[in-house]
Amino acid sequence: MAAGPPPAHPDVLVTSRPLDEYCALFGLTRARLAALPGPLLDCPGGAAGLAAEARELGCRVVAVDPAYALPLPVVADLALAARAAMAASMAARPWLHPSPRPYRPERYLRSWDRARRLFAADSAAHPQRYVAAALPRLPFADGAFALTLSGHLIFAYPEVFGPERQLAALTELVRVTSPDGEVRVQPLNDGHGHRCGHLDPLRYALGERRIASEIRRCPGPVDGRTLRVLVLRAADRRRRAARHLVM
């Protein structure tokens, strides 16, 4: 009998981020999402509104999260707990949430409420778009996605993802992404704001696996603070493009 997905880690928040927050975090636009030539992978998807909202743009999203093995009401309860944790963090440590948000915390958290409702309705109506699985092993074919996003997981929880597991997870995200696409990972710090101290060795190890990486700096949507996004691609993409130009 095949084993099911690993259980959701109790310390990992099941967040409810809306589409606009995804665009801000990953340096994307709605137009870029609408123009994708293939599906987008959201890993982890949590209780986000991305799949429902992006579909209105013509973009197909597949969300992956170990929490999807749980009944939908349980996932909703986890999302409400994450909302409460975010509210407490914004009140206790406001310097960790320095306004890429053009409004007060209460309004920001209401955007999570709307995203959570969209998730609940969409996952009930289209359960095939919400896959119960967990990094570093995903049940998808090589190159299945035109764009892969991974937010608030791989570097945010170093107690869950140590260096070896980070490397395995990033390698797996590249595997399921088209050679002509890319993986975007954000943030590059943990929940206390501490940056990953071994990012350079990690990128070197990725290079040994023929994965190209760059740190892309995007201006924050309101206050201009720089957001750092790790962008990964299959390293031989440029060589294939060069051969195509010569032929």
Protein backbone atom coordinates (compact mmCIF):
# COMPACT_ATOMS: atom_id res chain seq x y z
CA MET A 1 0.00 0.00 0.00
CA ALA A 2 1.39 3.43 -0.95
CA ALA A 3 2.14 5.75 1.91
CA GLY A 4 0.07 8.91 2.20
CA PRO A 5 1.51 12.42 2.42
CA PRO A 6 3.47 13.33 5.52
CA PRO A 7 1.33 15.05 8.14
CA ALA A 8 1.34 18.82 8.30
CA HIS A 9 3.98 20.06 10.72
CA PRO A 10 2.26 21.63 13.73
CA ASP A 11 4.61 24.65 13.76
CA VAL A 12 4.02 25.59 10.10
CA LEU A 13 1.23 28.15 9.74
CA VAL A 14 -1.55 27.52 7.22
CA THR A 15 -1.78 31.07 5.91
CA SER A 16 -4.47 32.71 3.76
CA ARG A 17 -2.66 35.13 1.48
CA PRO A 18 -4.57 36.77 -1.41
CA LEU A 19 -3.40 37.08 -5.00
CA ASP A 20 -2.17 40.66 -4.62
CA GLU A 21 0.07 39.64 -1.75
CA TYR A 22 1.55 36.82 -3.85
CA CYS A 23 2.33 39.33 -6.60
CA ALA A 24 4.00 41.65 -4.08
CA LEU A 25 6.04 38.90 -2.43
CA PHE A 26 7.30 37.30 -5.64
CA GLY A 27 7.72 40.32 -7.89
CA LEU A 28 4.87 39.31 -10.19
CA THR A 29 2.00 41.07 -11.89
CA ARG A 30 -1.47 39.91 -12.85
CA ALA A 31 -0.50 40.36 -16.51
CA ARG A 32 2.50 38.05 -16.04
CA LEU A 33 0.29 35.38 -14.48
CA ALA A 34 -2.30 35.72 -17.23
CA ALA A 35 0.41 35.19 -19.86
CA LEU A 36 1.86 31.99 -18.38
CA PRO A 37 2.08 29.25 -21.04
CA GLY A 38 1.26 26.51 -18.54
CA PRO A 39 0.06 25.82 -15.00
CA LEU A 40 1.46 27.42 -11.86
CA LEU A 41 2.41 25.42 -8.77
CA ASP A 42 1.84 26.95 -5.32
CA CYS A 43 3.84 24.96 -2.77
CA PRO A 44 2.76 25.24 -0.02
CA GLY A 45 -0.69 26.50 -0.88
CA GLY A 46 -2.13 26.75 2.61
CA ALA A 47 -5.58 28.35 2.65
CA ALA A 48 -4.66 30.98 0.07
CA GLY A 49 -6.98 32.55 -2.47
CA LEU A 50 -4.41 32.26 -5.28
CA ALA A 51 -5.96 29.33 -7.16
CA ALA A 52 -9.43 30.87 -7.16
CA GLU A 53 -8.29 34.40 -8.02
CA ALA A 54 -5.74 33.46 -10.67
CA ARG A 55 -8.29 31.33 -12.49
CA GLU A 56 -10.20 34.53 -13.19
CA LEU A 57 -7.10 35.66 -15.10
CA GLY A 58 -7.02 32.45 -17.15
CA CYS A 59 -4.15 31.01 -15.11
CA ARG A 60 -4.45 27.43 -13.86
CA VAL A 61 -3.01 26.89 -10.37
CA VAL A 62 -2.30 23.62 -8.60
CA ALA A 63 -1.80 24.05 -4.85
CA VAL A 64 0.12 21.54 -2.74
CA ASP A 65 0.06 21.26 1.03
CA PRO A 66 0.15 18.35 3.50
CA ALA A 67 -2.76 20.02 5.29
CA TYR A 68 -5.03 19.08 2.38
CA ALA A 69 -5.07 15.51 3.71
CA LEU A 70 -7.21 16.89 6.55
CA PRO A 71 -10.96 17.61 6.35
CA LEU A 72 -11.73 21.07 5.03
CA PRO A 73 -13.16 22.33 8.37
CA VAL A 74 -9.90 21.37 10.08
CA VAL A 75 -7.89 23.25 7.45
CA ALA A 76 -10.15 26.27 8.00
CA ASP A 77 -9.51 26.08 11.75
CA LEU A 78 -5.75 25.94 11.12
CA ALA A 79 -6.06 28.99 8.88
CA LEU A 80 -7.94 30.88 11.59
CA ALA A 81 -5.19 29.96 14.06
CA ALA A 82 -2.61 31.29 11.59
CA ARG A 83 -4.56 34.54 11.30
CA ALA A 84 -4.50 34.92 15.08
CA ALA A 85 -0.75 34.20 15.13
CA MET A 86 -0.13 36.82 12.44
CA ALA A 87 -2.22 39.39 14.33
CA ALA A 88 -0.22 38.72 17.50
CA SER A 89 3.10 38.96 15.63
CA MET A 90 2.14 42.23 13.95
CA ALA A 91 1.26 43.68 17.35
CA ALA A 92 4.30 42.34 19.23
CA ARG A 93 6.97 42.66 16.52
CA PRO A 94 5.87 45.35 14.06
CA TRP A 95 9.42 45.74 12.72
CA LEU A 96 9.03 42.31 11.07
CA HIS A 97 6.02 43.58 9.10
CA PRO A 98 7.19 46.97 7.86
CA SER A 99 4.55 47.92 5.46
CA PRO A 100 4.63 46.41 2.13
CA ARG A 101 0.99 46.89 3.03
CA PRO A 102 -0.81 50.15 2.32
CA TYR A 103 -3.21 49.77 5.20
CA ARG A 104 -3.54 49.05 8.88
CA PRO A 105 -3.17 45.51 10.27
CA GLU A 106 -6.93 45.08 10.66
CA ARG A 107 -7.54 45.74 6.99
CA TYR A 108 -4.63 43.54 5.98
CA LEU A 109 -6.02 40.65 8.03
CA ARG A 110 -9.43 41.14 6.43
CA SER A 111 -7.74 40.40 3.10
CA TRP A 112 -6.74 37.06 4.62
CA ASP A 113 -10.36 36.47 5.65
CA ARG A 114 -11.53 36.97 2.08
CA ALA A 115 -8.75 34.71 0.73
CA ARG A 116 -9.68 32.01 3.24
CA ARG A 117 -13.31 32.11 2.10
CA LEU A 118 -12.25 31.88 -1.54
CA PHE A 119 -10.03 28.91 -0.72
CA ALA A 120 -12.83 27.10 1.11
CA ALA A 121 -15.27 27.53 -1.76
CA ASP A 122 -12.75 26.71 -4.49
CA SER A 123 -11.26 23.65 -2.80
CA ALA A 124 -14.76 22.27 -2.21
CA ALA A 125 -15.74 22.88 -5.84
CA HIS A 126 -12.42 21.84 -7.44
CA PRO A 127 -10.66 19.41 -5.07
CA GLN A 128 -8.41 18.13 -7.88
CA ARG A 129 -6.55 21.46 -7.79
CA TYR A 130 -5.52 20.93 -4.16
CA VAL A 131 -3.05 18.08 -3.73
CA ALA A 132 -2.04 16.65 -0.36
CA ALA A 133 1.74 16.28 -0.55
CA ALA A 134 4.85 17.71 1.07
CA LEU A 135 8.36 18.66 0.11
CA PRO A 136 10.87 17.26 -0.58
CA ARG A 137 8.78 14.77 -2.65
CA LEU A 138 6.00 15.91 -4.97
CA PRO A 139 3.71 13.67 -7.05
CA PHE A 140 4.21 15.45 -10.38
CA ALA A 141 6.04 14.69 -13.59
CA ASP A 142 9.25 16.44 -14.54
CA GLY A 143 8.65 19.91 -16.01
CA ALA A 144 4.92 19.94 -15.27
CA PHE A 145 4.66 23.64 -14.34
CA ALA A 146 5.48 26.88 -16.12
CA LEU A 147 6.10 28.69 -12.84
CA THR A 148 6.53 27.45 -9.28
CA LEU A 149 6.12 29.62 -6.19
CA SER A 150 7.17 28.63 -2.67
CA GLY A 151 6.43 31.16 0.02
CA HIS A 152 7.00 31.24 3.76
CA LEU A 153 8.28 27.70 4.19
CA ILE A 154 11.75 26.57 3.13
CA PHE A 155 13.72 29.34 4.85
CA ALA A 156 10.99 30.50 7.22
CA TYR A 157 11.12 27.31 9.33
CA PRO A 158 14.76 26.24 9.79
CA GLU A 159 13.68 23.89 12.56
CA VAL A 160 11.67 21.96 9.93
CA PHE A 161 13.93 22.52 6.92
CA GLY A 162 17.59 22.15 7.80
CA PRO A 163 20.24 22.71 5.11
CA GLU A 164 20.02 19.21 3.61
CA ARG A 165 16.24 19.28 3.44
CA GLN A 166 16.32 22.79 1.98
CA LEU A 167 18.58 21.53 -0.80
CA ALA A 168 16.32 18.53 -1.45
CA ALA A 169 13.20 20.71 -1.47
CA LEU A 170 14.62 23.30 -3.86
CA THR A 171 15.91 20.57 -6.18
CA GLU A 172 12.46 18.97 -6.23
CA LEU A 173 10.77 22.28 -7.05
CA VAL A 174 13.10 22.71 -10.04
CA ARG A 175 12.44 19.13 -11.15
CA VAL A 176 8.69 19.70 -11.49
CA THR A 177 9.16 23.07 -13.24
CA SER A 178 9.57 23.40 -17.00
CA PRO A 179 13.15 24.03 -18.21
CA ASP A 180 11.78 27.23 -19.75
CA GLY A 181 10.15 28.28 -16.49
CA GLU A 182 11.46 29.21 -13.08
CA VAL A 183 11.04 28.67 -9.36
CA ARG A 184 10.64 31.66 -7.04
CA VAL A 185 11.20 31.31 -3.29
CA GLN A 186 10.52 33.97 -0.67
CA PRO A 187 11.37 35.00 2.04
CA LEU A 188 15.03 34.15 2.61
CA ASN A 189 14.82 34.64 6.37
CA ASP A 190 13.13 32.89 9.25
CA GLY A 191 10.14 34.06 11.25
CA HIS A 192 12.38 36.18 13.49
CA GLY A 193 13.86 38.08 10.55
CA HIS A 194 17.21 36.25 10.60
CA ARG A 195 18.62 35.71 7.13
CA CYS A 196 19.73 32.25 6.05
CA GLY A 197 23.42 32.06 6.99
CA HIS A 198 24.33 29.33 4.51
CA LEU A 199 22.66 30.65 1.36
CA ASP A 200 25.93 30.86 -0.62
CA PRO A 201 26.93 27.22 0.08
CA LEU A 202 23.36 26.19 -0.69
CA ARG A 203 23.46 27.94 -4.05
CA TYR A 204 26.83 26.29 -4.78
CA ALA A 205 25.29 22.88 -4.05
CA LEU A 206 22.40 23.72 -6.36
CA GLY A 207 24.89 24.62 -9.08
CA GLU A 208 26.50 21.20 -8.69
CA ARG A 209 23.07 19.78 -9.49
CA ARG A 210 22.90 21.90 -12.64
CA ILE A 211 20.48 24.40 -11.14
CA ALA A 212 21.16 28.08 -11.81
CA SER A 213 20.23 30.53 -9.06
CA GLU A 214 20.04 34.26 -8.57
CA ILE A 215 18.87 36.62 -5.84
CA ARG A 216 16.42 38.96 -7.47
CA ARG A 217 15.76 42.23 -5.66
CA CYS A 218 12.30 43.68 -6.10
CA PRO A 219 11.07 46.99 -4.66
CA GLY A 220 8.42 46.71 -2.00
CA PRO A 221 4.97 47.70 -3.27
CA VAL A 222 4.58 50.70 -0.96
CA ASP A 223 7.64 51.80 0.98
CA GLY A 224 10.28 50.75 -1.57
CA ARG A 225 11.99 48.33 0.82
CA THR A 226 13.87 45.72 -1.17
CA LEU A 227 12.44 42.22 -1.26
CA ARG A 228 14.89 39.39 -1.96
CA VAL A 229 13.56 36.49 -4.03
CA LEU A 230 15.54 33.35 -4.80
CA VAL A 231 15.00 32.46 -8.48
CA LEU A 232 15.98 28.99 -9.74
CA ARG A 233 16.15 27.51 -13.24
CA ALA A 234 17.54 24.43 -14.90
CA ALA A 235 21.14 25.44 -15.62
CA ASP A 236 21.27 24.04 -19.16
CA ARG A 237 18.38 26.27 -20.28
CA ARG A 238 20.78 28.86 -21.71
CA ARG A 239 22.72 26.21 -23.66
CA ARG A 240 19.52 24.87 -25.23
CA ALA A 241 18.52 28.42 -26.20
CA ALA A 242 21.96 29.04 -27.73
CA ARG A 243 21.78 25.82 -29.75
CA HIS A 244 18.34 26.84 -31.01
CA LEU A 245 19.71 30.21 -32.23
CA VAL A 246 22.62 28.54 -34.05
CA MET A 247 20.49 25.93 -35.81
